[in-house]
Structures are given as C-alpha cells and as structure tokens.
C-alpha cells in the first residue's frame, strides 16, 4: 500500500505505467476501486492510497467500490468474498 501523500506525482505516474499500481482507495473509508473511478478521483490527497492488486487491498481490510466495481461489491456485500 502506498500513501499518496508520501509519493510525488511523477513517481505515481511512473509506477502506474510500470503497472506497480493498479487500484486506488480511500484510507478513511477503507474502500478500493479502479484508478479511473470518478468518485475516487475526487478524494483528498491525504486520504488516497494505492495498491498493486485487489488481493493486497483486501488483505489490508478494504472493500470494493460500489460505483466502479459493482460485481465485486455485490459479492463482498453478500459475503462471497
């Protein structure tokens, strides 16, 4: 997990292009989603985190976003994850 406040924008872009960052999340709400998620783009920098994989996000106790990951969210909500 990478905190956005601890990485420069340039380092962030490099990691995204190298596919070392695949998902973003909200540190306070413990929600993760795609990097293109519209609500996720509106997060404050101090609340934003990044993950290499969905597995990493779930191991850290985050849940899928109901907006950009509807299928994963429904499985999580119904207890299948």
N, C-alpha and C. Protein backbone atom coordinates (compact mmCIF):
# COMPACT_ATOMS: atom_id res chain seq x y z
N UNK A 1 0.85 -1.17 0.00
CA UNK A 1 0.00 0.00 0.00
C UNK A 1 0.90 1.23 0.00
N UNK A 2 0.58 2.16 -0.86
CA UNK A 2 1.33 3.41 -0.97
C UNK A 2 0.40 4.57 -0.64
N UNK A 3 0.79 5.40 0.29
CA UNK A 3 0.02 6.60 0.62
C UNK A 3 0.33 7.68 -0.40
N UNK A 4 -0.70 8.34 -0.93
CA UNK A 4 -0.50 9.36 -1.94
C UNK A 4 0.31 10.54 -1.40
N UNK A 5 0.14 10.86 -0.15
CA UNK A 5 0.86 12.00 0.43
C UNK A 5 2.36 11.73 0.57
N UNK A 6 2.78 10.47 0.41
CA UNK A 6 4.19 10.11 0.56
C UNK A 6 4.89 9.86 -0.78
N UNK A 7 4.23 10.19 -1.89
CA UNK A 7 4.79 9.95 -3.21
C UNK A 7 4.52 11.18 -4.09
N UNK A 8 5.47 11.51 -4.93
CA UNK A 8 5.28 12.65 -5.84
C UNK A 8 4.41 12.23 -7.01
N UNK A 9 3.85 13.20 -7.70
CA UNK A 9 3.01 12.89 -8.86
C UNK A 9 3.82 12.18 -9.94
N UNK A 10 5.05 12.58 -10.11
CA UNK A 10 5.92 11.94 -11.12
C UNK A 10 6.16 10.47 -10.76
N UNK A 11 6.48 10.19 -9.51
CA UNK A 11 6.69 8.81 -9.07
C UNK A 11 5.42 7.98 -9.25
N UNK A 12 4.28 8.62 -8.99
CA UNK A 12 2.99 7.94 -9.14
C UNK A 12 2.78 7.52 -10.59
N UNK A 13 2.99 8.43 -11.53
CA UNK A 13 2.80 8.12 -12.94
C UNK A 13 3.74 7.01 -13.41
N UNK A 14 4.98 7.05 -12.93
CA UNK A 14 5.93 6.01 -13.30
C UNK A 14 5.46 4.65 -12.81
N UNK A 15 4.99 4.58 -11.56
CA UNK A 15 4.52 3.31 -11.01
C UNK A 15 3.26 2.81 -11.73
N UNK A 16 2.39 3.71 -12.14
CA UNK A 16 1.19 3.31 -12.89
C UNK A 16 1.60 2.75 -14.25
N UNK A 17 2.51 3.43 -14.93
CA UNK A 17 2.96 2.95 -16.25
C UNK A 17 3.69 1.62 -16.15
N UNK A 18 4.41 1.38 -15.05
CA UNK A 18 5.10 0.12 -14.84
C UNK A 18 4.17 -0.95 -14.28
N UNK A 19 2.91 -0.60 -14.09
CA UNK A 19 1.86 -1.48 -13.56
C UNK A 19 2.18 -1.95 -12.15
N UNK A 20 2.86 -1.12 -11.38
CA UNK A 20 3.10 -1.41 -9.97
C UNK A 20 1.96 -0.88 -9.11
N UNK A 21 1.13 -0.04 -9.71
CA UNK A 21 -0.09 0.47 -9.06
C UNK A 21 -1.25 0.18 -10.00
N UNK A 22 -2.25 -0.55 -9.50
CA UNK A 22 -3.39 -0.93 -10.33
C UNK A 22 -4.73 -0.40 -9.78
N UNK A 23 -4.76 -0.15 -8.48
CA UNK A 23 -6.01 0.27 -7.83
C UNK A 23 -5.74 1.43 -6.88
N UNK A 24 -6.78 2.23 -6.65
CA UNK A 24 -6.71 3.31 -5.69
C UNK A 24 -7.73 3.09 -4.60
N UNK A 25 -7.56 3.79 -3.49
CA UNK A 25 -8.51 3.59 -2.40
C UNK A 25 -8.61 4.79 -1.48
N UNK A 26 -9.61 4.72 -0.60
CA UNK A 26 -9.84 5.74 0.40
C UNK A 26 -9.39 5.19 1.75
N UNK A 27 -8.37 5.80 2.31
CA UNK A 27 -7.78 5.33 3.57
C UNK A 27 -8.77 5.39 4.73
N UNK A 28 -9.58 6.41 4.78
CA UNK A 28 -10.53 6.56 5.90
C UNK A 28 -11.73 5.62 5.81
N UNK A 29 -12.28 5.48 4.61
CA UNK A 29 -13.47 4.64 4.43
C UNK A 29 -13.14 3.17 4.16
N UNK A 30 -11.85 2.89 3.90
CA UNK A 30 -11.40 1.52 3.63
C UNK A 30 -12.11 0.95 2.40
N UNK A 31 -12.12 1.74 1.30
CA UNK A 31 -12.73 1.33 0.03
C UNK A 31 -11.66 1.39 -1.05
N UNK A 32 -11.64 0.41 -1.95
CA UNK A 32 -10.72 0.47 -3.08
C UNK A 32 -11.49 0.35 -4.38
N UNK A 33 -10.91 0.90 -5.46
CA UNK A 33 -11.54 0.84 -6.77
C UNK A 33 -10.53 1.08 -7.87
N UNK A 34 -11.04 1.21 -9.08
CA UNK A 34 -10.18 1.44 -10.24
C UNK A 34 -9.60 2.84 -10.18
N UNK A 35 -8.51 3.03 -10.90
CA UNK A 35 -7.88 4.35 -10.95
C UNK A 35 -8.73 5.36 -11.72
N UNK A 36 -9.64 4.87 -12.55
CA UNK A 36 -10.49 5.76 -13.34
C UNK A 36 -11.84 6.06 -12.68
N UNK A 37 -12.05 5.59 -11.47
CA UNK A 37 -13.32 5.79 -10.76
C UNK A 37 -13.52 7.29 -10.48
N UNK A 38 -14.64 7.82 -10.94
CA UNK A 38 -14.90 9.26 -10.80
C UNK A 38 -14.94 9.71 -9.33
N UNK A 39 -15.65 9.04 -8.44
CA UNK A 39 -15.62 9.46 -7.03
C UNK A 39 -14.22 9.33 -6.42
N UNK A 40 -13.46 8.34 -6.85
CA UNK A 40 -12.11 8.14 -6.33
C UNK A 40 -11.16 9.27 -6.71
N UNK A 41 -11.39 9.86 -7.87
CA UNK A 41 -10.55 10.97 -8.32
C UNK A 41 -10.77 12.24 -7.50
N UNK A 42 -11.88 12.31 -6.80
CA UNK A 42 -12.21 13.49 -6.01
C UNK A 42 -11.68 13.44 -4.58
N UNK A 43 -11.01 12.36 -4.22
CA UNK A 43 -10.51 12.20 -2.86
C UNK A 43 -9.41 13.21 -2.55
N UNK A 44 -9.32 13.58 -1.30
CA UNK A 44 -8.21 14.41 -0.86
C UNK A 44 -6.94 13.58 -0.90
N UNK A 45 -5.84 14.21 -1.19
CA UNK A 45 -4.55 13.53 -1.32
C UNK A 45 -4.20 12.76 -0.04
N UNK A 46 -4.49 13.33 1.14
CA UNK A 46 -4.12 12.66 2.39
C UNK A 46 -4.97 11.41 2.67
N UNK A 47 -6.10 11.26 1.98
CA UNK A 47 -6.96 10.08 2.17
C UNK A 47 -6.76 9.01 1.11
N UNK A 48 -6.01 9.33 0.05
CA UNK A 48 -5.87 8.42 -1.08
C UNK A 48 -4.69 7.47 -0.88
N UNK A 49 -4.92 6.19 -1.19
CA UNK A 49 -3.88 5.16 -1.14
C UNK A 49 -3.91 4.39 -2.45
N UNK A 50 -2.82 3.67 -2.73
CA UNK A 50 -2.72 2.90 -3.96
C UNK A 50 -2.29 1.48 -3.64
N UNK A 51 -2.78 0.54 -4.48
CA UNK A 51 -2.50 -0.87 -4.29
C UNK A 51 -1.98 -1.49 -5.57
N UNK A 52 -1.19 -2.53 -5.42
CA UNK A 52 -0.66 -3.28 -6.55
C UNK A 52 -1.69 -4.28 -7.08
N UNK A 53 -2.55 -4.77 -6.19
CA UNK A 53 -3.53 -5.78 -6.60
C UNK A 53 -4.76 -5.73 -5.70
N UNK A 54 -5.80 -6.38 -6.17
CA UNK A 54 -7.03 -6.48 -5.39
C UNK A 54 -6.78 -7.31 -4.13
N UNK A 55 -5.95 -8.33 -4.25
CA UNK A 55 -5.61 -9.18 -3.11
C UNK A 55 -4.95 -8.35 -2.00
N UNK A 56 -4.03 -7.47 -2.38
CA UNK A 56 -3.37 -6.61 -1.40
C UNK A 56 -4.37 -5.71 -0.68
N UNK A 57 -5.29 -5.13 -1.44
CA UNK A 57 -6.30 -4.24 -0.85
C UNK A 57 -7.17 -5.01 0.15
N UNK A 58 -7.59 -6.19 -0.21
CA UNK A 58 -8.46 -6.98 0.66
C UNK A 58 -7.70 -7.45 1.91
N UNK A 59 -6.42 -7.77 1.76
CA UNK A 59 -5.62 -8.16 2.93
C UNK A 59 -5.48 -7.02 3.92
N UNK A 60 -5.53 -5.80 3.43
CA UNK A 60 -5.43 -4.62 4.30
C UNK A 60 -6.78 -4.24 4.89
N UNK A 61 -7.84 -4.98 4.56
CA UNK A 61 -9.16 -4.74 5.14
C UNK A 61 -10.03 -3.78 4.35
N UNK A 62 -9.71 -3.55 3.08
CA UNK A 62 -10.50 -2.65 2.24
C UNK A 62 -11.58 -3.44 1.52
N UNK A 63 -12.68 -2.76 1.17
CA UNK A 63 -13.77 -3.40 0.43
C UNK A 63 -13.87 -2.78 -0.96
N UNK A 64 -14.47 -3.50 -1.92
CA UNK A 64 -14.62 -2.96 -3.28
C UNK A 64 -15.57 -1.77 -3.34
N UNK A 65 -15.32 -0.88 -4.28
CA UNK A 65 -16.16 0.29 -4.51
C UNK A 65 -17.48 -0.14 -5.16
N UNK A 66 -18.58 0.37 -4.68
CA UNK A 66 -19.88 0.04 -5.24
C UNK A 66 -20.17 0.76 -6.54
N UNK A 67 -19.35 1.76 -6.87
CA UNK A 67 -19.57 2.53 -8.09
C UNK A 67 -18.83 1.92 -9.29
N UNK A 68 -17.55 1.69 -9.16
CA UNK A 68 -16.74 1.22 -10.30
C UNK A 68 -16.51 -0.28 -10.31
N UNK A 69 -16.80 -0.96 -9.21
CA UNK A 69 -16.58 -2.41 -9.13
C UNK A 69 -17.85 -3.09 -8.62
N UNK A 70 -18.95 -2.84 -9.31
CA UNK A 70 -20.26 -3.29 -8.86
C UNK A 70 -20.34 -4.80 -8.61
N UNK A 71 -19.80 -5.59 -9.51
CA UNK A 71 -19.85 -7.05 -9.35
C UNK A 71 -19.09 -7.51 -8.12
N UNK A 72 -17.89 -6.99 -7.95
CA UNK A 72 -17.08 -7.34 -6.77
C UNK A 72 -17.74 -6.84 -5.49
N UNK A 73 -18.34 -5.66 -5.56
CA UNK A 73 -19.02 -5.10 -4.39
C UNK A 73 -20.20 -5.98 -3.98
N UNK A 74 -20.99 -6.43 -4.96
CA UNK A 74 -22.15 -7.28 -4.64
C UNK A 74 -21.70 -8.60 -4.00
N UNK A 75 -20.62 -9.18 -4.51
CA UNK A 75 -20.09 -10.41 -3.90
C UNK A 75 -19.64 -10.14 -2.48
N UNK A 76 -18.95 -9.02 -2.28
CA UNK A 76 -18.48 -8.67 -0.93
C UNK A 76 -19.68 -8.45 0.00
N UNK A 77 -20.67 -7.73 -0.49
CA UNK A 77 -21.85 -7.40 0.30
C UNK A 77 -22.62 -8.66 0.71
N UNK A 78 -22.67 -9.63 -0.20
CA UNK A 78 -23.39 -10.88 0.07
C UNK A 78 -22.53 -11.91 0.79
N UNK A 79 -21.30 -11.55 1.11
CA UNK A 79 -20.45 -12.43 1.89
C UNK A 79 -19.74 -13.52 1.11
N UNK A 80 -19.63 -13.37 -0.22
CA UNK A 80 -18.99 -14.40 -1.02
C UNK A 80 -17.49 -14.20 -1.15
N UNK A 81 -16.97 -13.09 -0.67
CA UNK A 81 -15.52 -12.84 -0.76
C UNK A 81 -14.91 -13.13 0.57
